[in-house]
Amino acid sequence: MESQLDQFMTIVEQMAETVIAATETVEHVSERMDDLANQVQQQGYQVFALTDAVQTLTDNQAAMIAHLSHLTETLDRIAASLEKDASA
């Protein structure tokens, strides 16, 4: 009977060790998941900042194109005026 009790105690000890090891593994995985979640969040912030910067560049480019268009029109009028004066 005592042999069976010893075997039972050995099994219970092994189960307890397994539960402790599994708990430690789950805690480690949980910490790693938290780290990954934080990295993903930081990357999300970086993507947002990059998107905002690209939008600003796009807006600036649109304004520059409008200014260049206006400048081109002005230069065309000056050229036309000079041609008119030269032919007169």
PDB file of N, CA and C in Angstrom:
ATOM      1  N   MET A   1       0.812  -1.187   0.000  1.00  0.00           N
ATOM      2  CA  MET A   1       0.000   0.000   0.000  1.00  0.00           C
ATOM      3  C   MET A   1       0.860   1.257   0.000  1.00  0.00           C
ATOM      4  N   GLU A   2       1.959   1.200   0.746  1.00  0.00           N
ATOM      5  CA  GLU A   2       2.829   2.362   0.829  1.00  0.00           C
ATOM      6  C   GLU A   2       3.501   2.624  -0.513  1.00  0.00           C
ATOM      7  N   SER A   3       3.783   1.602  -1.266  1.00  0.00           N
ATOM      8  CA  SER A   3       4.378   1.748  -2.582  1.00  0.00           C
ATOM      9  C   SER A   3       3.431   2.510  -3.503  1.00  0.00           C
ATOM     10  N   GLN A   4       2.161   2.208  -3.428  1.00  0.00           N
ATOM     11  CA  GLN A   4       1.180   2.925  -4.242  1.00  0.00           C
ATOM     12  C   GLN A   4       1.085   4.382  -3.816  1.00  0.00           C
ATOM     13  N   LEU A   5       1.176   4.630  -2.510  1.00  0.00           N
ATOM     14  CA  LEU A   5       1.134   5.999  -1.999  1.00  0.00           C
ATOM     15  C   LEU A   5       2.369   6.772  -2.486  1.00  0.00           C
ATOM     16  N   ASP A   6       3.516   6.141  -2.485  1.00  0.00           N
ATOM     17  CA  ASP A   6       4.730   6.773  -2.989  1.00  0.00           C
ATOM     18  C   ASP A   6       4.601   7.094  -4.480  1.00  0.00           C
ATOM     19  N   GLN A   7       4.043   6.150  -5.226  1.00  0.00           N
ATOM     20  CA  GLN A   7       3.835   6.383  -6.655  1.00  0.00           C
ATOM     21  C   GLN A   7       2.863   7.538  -6.869  1.00  0.00           C
ATOM     22  N   PHE A   8       1.808   7.553  -6.083  1.00  0.00           N
ATOM     23  CA  PHE A   8       0.818   8.618  -6.184  1.00  0.00           C
ATOM     24  C   PHE A   8       1.464   9.969  -5.864  1.00  0.00           C
ATOM     25  N   MET A   9       2.277  10.028  -4.827  1.00  0.00           N
ATOM     26  CA  MET A   9       2.954  11.268  -4.441  1.00  0.00           C
ATOM     27  C   MET A   9       3.916  11.717  -5.543  1.00  0.00           C
ATOM     28  N   THR A  10       4.600  10.770  -6.155  1.00  0.00           N
ATOM     29  CA  THR A  10       5.517  11.089  -7.251  1.00  0.00           C
ATOM     30  C   THR A  10       4.751  11.676  -8.429  1.00  0.00           C
ATOM     31  N   ILE A  11       3.609  11.081  -8.729  1.00  0.00           N
ATOM     32  CA  ILE A  11       2.778  11.583  -9.839  1.00  0.00           C
ATOM     33  C   ILE A  11       2.270  12.982  -9.523  1.00  0.00           C
ATOM     34  N   VAL A  12       1.823  13.199  -8.290  1.00  0.00           N
ATOM     35  CA  VAL A  12       1.317  14.520  -7.895  1.00  0.00           C
ATOM     36  C   VAL A  12       2.441  15.554  -7.982  1.00  0.00           C
ATOM     37  N   GLU A  13       3.638  15.206  -7.548  1.00  0.00           N
ATOM     38  CA  GLU A  13       4.772  16.115  -7.627  1.00  0.00           C
ATOM     39  C   GLU A  13       5.100  16.465  -9.077  1.00  0.00           C
ATOM     40  N   GLN A  14       5.090  15.448  -9.926  1.00  0.00           N
ATOM     41  CA  GLN A  14       5.376  15.687 -11.341  1.00  0.00           C
ATOM     42  C   GLN A  14       4.308  16.587 -11.963  1.00  0.00           C
ATOM     43  N   MET A  15       3.066  16.363 -11.593  1.00  0.00           N
ATOM     44  CA  MET A  15       1.981  17.198 -12.108  1.00  0.00           C
ATOM     45  C   MET A  15       2.147  18.641 -11.631  1.00  0.00           C
ATOM     46  N   ALA A  16       2.520  18.811 -10.365  1.00  0.00           N
ATOM     47  CA  ALA A  16       2.719  20.147  -9.820  1.00  0.00           C
ATOM     48  C   ALA A  16       3.866  20.849 -10.544  1.00  0.00           C
ATOM     49  N   GLU A  17       4.954  20.137 -10.782  1.00  0.00           N
ATOM     50  CA  GLU A  17       6.085  20.707 -11.505  1.00  0.00           C
ATOM     51  C   GLU A  17       5.689  21.091 -12.922  1.00  0.00           C
ATOM     52  N   THR A  18       4.878  20.256 -13.542  1.00  0.00           N
ATOM     53  CA  THR A  18       4.415  20.535 -14.898  1.00  0.00           C
ATOM     54  C   THR A  18       3.530  21.778 -14.919  1.00  0.00           C
ATOM     55  N   VAL A  19       2.650  21.890 -13.931  1.00  0.00           N
ATOM     56  CA  VAL A  19       1.768  23.070 -13.847  1.00  0.00           C
ATOM     57  C   VAL A  19       2.603  24.324 -13.634  1.00  0.00           C
ATOM     58  N   ILE A  20       3.596  24.256 -12.758  1.00  0.00           N
ATOM     59  CA  ILE A  20       4.456  25.413 -12.511  1.00  0.00           C
ATOM     60  C   ILE A  20       5.210  25.797 -13.783  1.00  0.00           C
ATOM     61  N   ALA A  21       5.758  24.816 -14.477  1.00  0.00           N
ATOM     62  CA  ALA A  21       6.489  25.089 -15.720  1.00  0.00           C
ATOM     63  C   ALA A  21       5.558  25.691 -16.774  1.00  0.00           C
ATOM     64  N   ALA A  22       4.356  25.150 -16.868  1.00  0.00           N
ATOM     65  CA  ALA A  22       3.391  25.669 -17.843  1.00  0.00           C
ATOM     66  C   ALA A  22       3.008  27.108 -17.493  1.00  0.00           C
ATOM     67  N   THR A  23       2.823  27.381 -16.200  1.00  0.00           N
ATOM     68  CA  THR A  23       2.471  28.731 -15.760  1.00  0.00           C
ATOM     69  C   THR A  23       3.586  29.717 -16.103  1.00  0.00           C
ATOM     70  N   GLU A  24       4.833  29.317 -15.860  1.00  0.00           N
ATOM     71  CA  GLU A  24       5.963  30.177 -16.199  1.00  0.00           C
ATOM     72  C   GLU A  24       6.039  30.424 -17.698  1.00  0.00           C
ATOM     73  N   THR A  25       5.763  29.388 -18.475  1.00  0.00           N
ATOM     74  CA  THR A  25       5.779  29.540 -19.933  1.00  0.00           C
ATOM     75  C   THR A  25       4.685  30.500 -20.390  1.00  0.00           C
ATOM     76  N   VAL A  26       3.505  30.358 -19.828  1.00  0.00           N
ATOM     77  CA  VAL A  26       2.395  31.250 -20.183  1.00  0.00           C
ATOM     78  C   VAL A  26       2.733  32.692 -19.796  1.00  0.00           C
ATOM     79  N   GLU A  27       3.337  32.885 -18.643  1.00  0.00           N
ATOM     80  CA  GLU A  27       3.732  34.231 -18.232  1.00  0.00           C
ATOM     81  C   GLU A  27       4.760  34.809 -19.199  1.00  0.00           C
ATOM     82  N   HIS A  28       5.714  33.991 -19.598  1.00  0.00           N
ATOM     83  CA  HIS A  28       6.731  34.455 -20.550  1.00  0.00           C
ATOM     84  C   HIS A  28       6.094  34.825 -21.889  1.00  0.00           C
ATOM     85  N   VAL A  29       5.203  33.973 -22.361  1.00  0.00           N
ATOM     86  CA  VAL A  29       4.512  34.246 -23.633  1.00  0.00           C
ATOM     87  C   VAL A  29       3.668  35.510 -23.501  1.00  0.00           C
ATOM     88  N   SER A  30       3.022  35.681 -22.382  1.00  0.00           N
ATOM     89  CA  SER A  30       2.205  36.872 -22.144  1.00  0.00           C
ATOM     90  C   SER A  30       3.060  38.138 -22.166  1.00  0.00           C
ATOM     91  N   GLU A  31       4.220  38.098 -21.527  1.00  0.00           N
ATOM     92  CA  GLU A  31       5.127  39.247 -21.548  1.00  0.00           C
ATOM     93  C   GLU A  31       5.588  39.554 -22.969  1.00  0.00           C
ATOM     94  N   ARG A  32       5.891  38.501 -23.709  1.00  0.00           N
ATOM     95  CA  ARG A  32       6.332  38.689 -25.106  1.00  0.00           C
ATOM     96  C   ARG A  32       5.209  39.283 -25.953  1.00  0.00           C
ATOM     97  N   MET A  33       3.992  38.827 -25.724  1.00  0.00           N
ATOM     98  CA  MET A  33       2.840  39.375 -26.447  1.00  0.00           C
ATOM     99  C   MET A  33       2.646  40.852 -26.115  1.00  0.00           C
ATOM    100  N   ASP A  34       2.841  41.217 -24.847  1.00  0.00           N
ATOM    101  CA  ASP A  34       2.751  42.625 -24.464  1.00  0.00           C
ATOM    102  C   ASP A  34       3.808  43.449 -25.186  1.00  0.00           C
ATOM    103  N   ASP A  35       5.035  42.912 -25.253  1.00  0.00           N
ATOM    104  CA  ASP A  35       6.102  43.606 -25.970  1.00  0.00           C
ATOM    105  C   ASP A  35       5.740  43.793 -27.441  1.00  0.00           C
ATOM    106  N   LEU A  36       5.230  42.733 -28.054  1.00  0.00           N
ATOM    107  CA  LEU A  36       4.851  42.813 -29.474  1.00  0.00           C
ATOM    108  C   LEU A  36       3.703  43.799 -29.681  1.00  0.00           C
ATOM    109  N   ALA A  37       2.748  43.795 -28.761  1.00  0.00           N
ATOM    110  CA  ALA A  37       1.622  44.734 -28.865  1.00  0.00           C
ATOM    111  C   ALA A  37       2.123  46.169 -28.780  1.00  0.00           C
ATOM    112  N   ASN A  38       3.073  46.421 -27.893  1.00  0.00           N
ATOM    113  CA  ASN A  38       3.640  47.767 -27.780  1.00  0.00           C
ATOM    114  C   ASN A  38       4.389  48.157 -29.044  1.00  0.00           C
ATOM    115  N   GLN A  39       5.128  47.202 -29.618  1.00  0.00           N
ATOM    116  CA  GLN A  39       5.838  47.491 -30.862  1.00  0.00           C
ATOM    117  C   GLN A  39       4.865  47.806 -31.990  1.00  0.00           C
ATOM    118  N   VAL A  40       3.792  47.043 -32.075  1.00  0.00           N
ATOM    119  CA  VAL A  40       2.785  47.281 -33.113  1.00  0.00           C
ATOM    120  C   VAL A  40       2.142  48.652 -32.915  1.00  0.00           C
ATOM    121  N   GLN A  41       1.877  49.000 -31.668  1.00  0.00           N
ATOM    122  CA  GLN A  41       1.291  50.312 -31.379  1.00  0.00           C
ATOM    123  C   GLN A  41       2.253  51.426 -31.797  1.00  0.00           C
ATOM    124  N   GLN A  42       3.530  51.279 -31.480  1.00  0.00           N
ATOM    125  CA  GLN A  42       4.515  52.285 -31.879  1.00  0.00           C
ATOM    126  C   GLN A  42       4.606  52.391 -33.400  1.00  0.00           C
ATOM    127  N   GLN A  43       4.571  51.245 -34.069  1.00  0.00           N
ATOM    128  CA  GLN A  43       4.612  51.270 -35.527  1.00  0.00           C
ATOM    129  C   GLN A  43       3.366  51.937 -36.088  1.00  0.00           C
ATOM    130  N   GLY A  44       2.237  51.740 -35.418  1.00  0.00           N
ATOM    131  CA  GLY A  44       1.011  52.416 -35.840  1.00  0.00           C
ATOM    132  C   GLY A  44       1.157  53.924 -35.744  1.00  0.00           C
ATOM    133  N   TYR A  45       1.764  54.390 -34.648  1.00  0.00           N
ATOM    134  CA  TYR A  45       2.011  55.825 -34.497  1.00  0.00           C
ATOM    135  C   TYR A  45       2.952  56.331 -35.591  1.00  0.00           C
ATOM    136  N   GLN A  46       3.971  55.534 -35.907  1.00  0.00           N
ATOM    137  CA  GLN A  46       4.917  55.929 -36.947  1.00  0.00           C
ATOM    138  C   GLN A  46       4.243  55.988 -38.314  1.00  0.00           C
ATOM    139  N   VAL A  47       3.381  55.032 -38.597  1.00  0.00           N
ATOM    140  CA  VAL A  47       2.652  55.039 -39.869  1.00  0.00           C
ATOM    141  C   VAL A  47       1.744  56.258 -39.942  1.00  0.00           C
ATOM    142  N   PHE A  48       1.082  56.578 -38.825  1.00  0.00           N
ATOM    143  CA  PHE A  48       0.224  57.763 -38.802  1.00  0.00           C
ATOM    144  C   PHE A  48       1.039  59.020 -39.065  1.00  0.00           C
ATOM    145  N   ALA A  49       2.205  59.139 -38.405  1.00  0.00           N
ATOM    146  CA  ALA A  49       3.053  60.308 -38.607  1.00  0.00           C
ATOM    147  C   ALA A  49       3.548  60.387 -40.049  1.00  0.00           C
ATOM    148  N   LEU A  50       3.910  59.243 -40.607  1.00  0.00           N
ATOM    149  CA  LEU A  50       4.366  59.209 -41.996  1.00  0.00           C
ATOM    150  C   LEU A  50       3.238  59.606 -42.946  1.00  0.00           C
ATOM    151  N   THR A  51       2.053  59.106 -42.696  1.00  0.00           N
ATOM    152  CA  THR A  51       0.896  59.462 -43.517  1.00  0.00           C
ATOM    153  C   THR A  51       0.627  60.956 -43.451  1.00  0.00           C
ATOM    154  N   ASP A  52       0.724  61.513 -42.259  1.00  0.00           N
ATOM    155  CA  ASP A  52       0.523  62.955 -42.080  1.00  0.00           C
ATOM    156  C   ASP A  52       1.590  63.742 -42.851  1.00  0.00           C
ATOM    157  N   ALA A  53       2.829  63.284 -42.794  1.00  0.00           N
ATOM    158  CA  ALA A  53       3.908  63.962 -43.513  1.00  0.00           C
ATOM    159  C   ALA A  53       3.691  63.888 -45.018  1.00  0.00           C
ATOM    160  N   VAL A  54       3.264  62.735 -45.508  1.00  0.00           N
ATOM    161  CA  VAL A  54       2.992  62.585 -46.948  1.00  0.00           C
ATOM    162  C   VAL A  54       1.844  63.499 -47.364  1.00  0.00           C
ATOM    163  N   GLN A  55       0.825  63.612 -46.517  1.00  0.00           N
ATOM    164  CA  GLN A  55      -0.295  64.503 -46.827  1.00  0.00           C
ATOM    165  C   GLN A  55       0.174  65.955 -46.888  1.00  0.00           C
ATOM    166  N   THR A  56       1.036  66.331 -45.955  1.00  0.00           N
ATOM    167  CA  THR A  56       1.574  67.698 -45.966  1.00  0.00           C
ATOM    168  C   THR A  56       2.384  67.950 -47.235  1.00  0.00           C
ATOM    169  N   LEU A  57       3.223  66.974 -47.615  1.00  0.00           N
ATOM    170  CA  LEU A  57       3.996  67.114 -48.850  1.00  0.00           C
ATOM    171  C   LEU A  57       3.079  67.230 -50.070  1.00  0.00           C
ATOM    172  N   THR A  58       2.023  66.434 -50.071  1.00  0.00           N
ATOM    173  CA  THR A  58       1.065  66.486 -51.180  1.00  0.00           C
ATOM    174  C   THR A  58       0.397  67.849 -51.257  1.00  0.00           C
ATOM    175  N   ASP A  59      -0.012  68.368 -50.099  1.00  0.00           N
ATOM    176  CA  ASP A  59      -0.634  69.699 -50.071  1.00  0.00           C
ATOM    177  C   ASP A  59       0.343  70.765 -50.550  1.00  0.00           C
ATOM    178  N   ASN A  60       1.594  70.670 -50.089  1.00  0.00           N
ATOM    179  CA  ASN A  60       2.613  71.637 -50.502  1.00  0.00           C
ATOM    180  C   ASN A  60       2.883  71.546 -52.001  1.00  0.00           C
ATOM    181  N   GLN A  61       2.902  70.316 -52.517  1.00  0.00           N
ATOM    182  CA  GLN A  61       3.133  70.142 -53.951  1.00  0.00           C
ATOM    183  C   GLN A  61       1.974  70.744 -54.751  1.00  0.00           C
ATOM    184  N   ALA A  62       0.761  70.547 -54.280  1.00  0.00           N
ATOM    185  CA  ALA A  62      -0.395  71.114 -54.977  1.00  0.00           C
ATOM    186  C   ALA A  62      -0.313  72.642 -54.984  1.00  0.00           C
ATOM    187  N   ALA A  63       0.093  73.217 -53.859  1.00  0.00           N
ATOM    188  CA  ALA A  63       0.231  74.677 -53.797  1.00  0.00           C
ATOM    189  C   ALA A  63       1.343  75.143 -54.731  1.00  0.00           C
ATOM    190  N   MET A  64       2.454  74.403 -54.771  1.00  0.00           N
ATOM    191  CA  MET A  64       3.569  74.753 -55.647  1.00  0.00           C
ATOM    192  C   MET A  64       3.136  74.688 -57.111  1.00  0.00           C
ATOM    193  N   ILE A  65       2.374  73.675 -57.469  1.00  0.00           N
ATOM    194  CA  ILE A  65       1.897  73.550 -58.852  1.00  0.00           C
ATOM    195  C   ILE A  65       0.996  74.726 -59.207  1.00  0.00           C
ATOM    196  N   ALA A  66       0.147  75.131 -58.275  1.00  0.00           N
ATOM    197  CA  ALA A  66      -0.732  76.287 -58.516  1.00  0.00           C
ATOM    198  C   ALA A  66       0.106  77.553 -58.724  1.00  0.00           C
ATOM    199  N   HIS A  67       1.133  77.732 -57.904  1.00  0.00           N
ATOM    200  CA  HIS A  67       2.005  78.904 -58.053  1.00  0.00           C
ATOM    201  C   HIS A  67       2.756  78.860 -59.382  1.00  0.00           C
ATOM    202  N   LEU A  68       3.259  77.696 -59.749  1.00  0.00           N
ATOM    203  CA  LEU A  68       3.965  77.559 -61.023  1.00  0.00           C
ATOM    204  C   LEU A  68       3.035  77.824 -62.208  1.00  0.00           C
ATOM    205  N   SER A  69       1.816  77.373 -62.089  1.00  0.00           N
ATOM    206  CA  SER A  69       0.838  77.618 -63.148  1.00  0.00           C
ATOM    207  C   SER A  69       0.590  79.117 -63.291  1.00  0.00           C
ATOM    208  N   HIS A  70       0.437  79.796 -62.172  1.00  0.00           N
ATOM    209  CA  HIS A  70       0.226  81.247 -62.196  1.00  0.00           C
ATOM    210  C   HIS A  70       1.455  81.950 -62.785  1.00  0.00           C
ATOM    211  N   LEU A  71       2.649  81.517 -62.392  1.00  0.00           N
ATOM    212  CA  LEU A  71       3.886  82.095 -62.913  1.00  0.00           C
ATOM    213  C   LEU A  71       3.994  81.869 -64.413  1.00  0.00           C
ATOM    214  N   THR A  72       3.645  80.675 -64.862  1.00  0.00           N
ATOM    215  CA  THR A  72       3.685  80.360 -66.293  1.00  0.00           C
ATOM    216  C   THR A  72       2.733  81.275 -67.066  1.00  0.00           C
ATOM    217  N   GLU A  73       1.552  81.454 -66.546  1.00  0.00           N
ATOM    218  CA  GLU A  73       0.577  82.352 -67.204  1.00  0.00           C
ATOM    219  C   GLU A  73       1.121  83.775 -67.276  1.00  0.00           C
ATOM    220  N   THR A  74       1.742  84.221 -66.190  1.00  0.00           N
ATOM    221  CA  THR A  74       2.303  85.575 -66.172  1.00  0.00           C
ATOM    222  C   THR A  74       3.433  85.701 -67.186  1.00  0.00           C
ATOM    223  N   LEU A  75       4.314  84.696 -67.228  1.00  0.00           N
ATOM    224  CA  LEU A  75       5.408  84.727 -68.201  1.00  0.00           C
ATOM    225  C   LEU A  75       4.883  84.668 -69.636  1.00  0.00           C
ATOM    226  N   ASP A  76       3.827  83.908 -69.860  1.00  0.00           N
ATOM    227  CA  ASP A  76       3.223  83.864 -71.206  1.00  0.00           C
ATOM    228  C   ASP A  76       2.705  85.240 -71.601  1.00  0.00           C
ATOM    229  N   ARG A  77       2.065  85.942 -70.667  1.00  0.00           N
ATOM    230  CA  ARG A  77       1.551  87.287 -70.967  1.00  0.00           C
ATOM    231  C   ARG A  77       2.692  88.262 -71.238  1.00  0.00           C
ATOM    232  N   ILE A  78       3.775  88.146 -70.447  1.00  0.00           N
ATOM    233  CA  ILE A  78       4.925  89.027 -70.674  1.00  0.00           C
ATOM    234  C   ILE A  78       5.534  88.751 -72.038  1.00  0.00           C
ATOM    235  N   ALA A  79       5.694  87.458 -72.370  1.00  0.00           N
ATOM    236  CA  ALA A  79       6.266  87.088 -73.678  1.00  0.00           C
ATOM    237  C   ALA A  79       5.380  87.595 -74.801  1.00  0.00           C
ATOM    238  N   ALA A  80       4.088  87.430 -74.648  1.00  0.00           N
ATOM    239  CA  ALA A  80       3.157  87.909 -75.693  1.00  0.00           C
ATOM    240  C   ALA A  80       3.246  89.420 -75.820  1.00  0.00           C
ATOM    241  N   SER A  81       3.358  90.112 -74.705  1.00  0.00           N
ATOM    242  CA  SER A  81       3.463  91.563 -74.729  1.00  0.00           C
ATOM    243  C   SER A  81       4.755  92.008 -75.397  1.00  0.00           C
ATOM    244  N   LEU A  82       5.869  91.293 -75.077  1.00  0.00           N
ATOM    245  CA  LEU A  82       7.147  91.647 -75.712  1.00  0.00           C
ATOM    246  C   LEU A  82       7.114  91.385 -77.211  1.00  0.00           C
ATOM    247  N   GLU A  83       6.479  90.294 -77.617  1.00  0.00           N
ATOM    248  CA  GLU A  83       6.380  89.981 -79.048  1.00  0.00           C
ATOM    249  C   GLU A  83       5.548  91.054 -79.759  1.00  0.00           C
ATOM    250  N   LYS A  84       4.489  91.487 -79.078  1.00  0.00           N
ATOM    251  CA  LYS A  84       3.610  92.527 -79.651  1.00  0.00           C
ATOM    252  C   LYS A  84       4.382  93.826 -79.800  1.00  0.00           C
ATOM    253  N   ASP A  85       5.169  94.191 -78.790  1.00  0.00           N
ATOM    254  CA  ASP A  85       5.948  95.417 -78.841  1.00  0.00           C
ATOM    255  C   ASP A  85       7.053  95.305 -79.898  1.00  0.00           C
ATOM    256  N   ALA A  86       7.643  94.111 -80.041  1.00  0.00           N
ATOM    257  CA  ALA A  86       8.734  93.935 -81.001  1.00  0.00           C
ATOM    258  C   ALA A  86       8.232  94.017 -82.433  1.00  0.00           C
ATOM    259  N   SER A  87       7.008  93.592 -82.671  1.00  0.00           N
ATOM    260  CA  SER A  87       6.478  93.614 -84.028  1.00  0.00           C
ATOM    261  C   SER A  87       5.879  94.964 -84.383  1.00  0.00           C
ATOM    262  N   ALA A  88       5.699  95.820 -83.418  1.00  0.00           N
ATOM    263  CA  ALA A  88       5.089  97.122 -83.703  1.00  0.00           C
ATOM    264  C   ALA A  88       6.083  98.177 -84.137  1.00  0.00           C
TER     265      ALA A  88
END
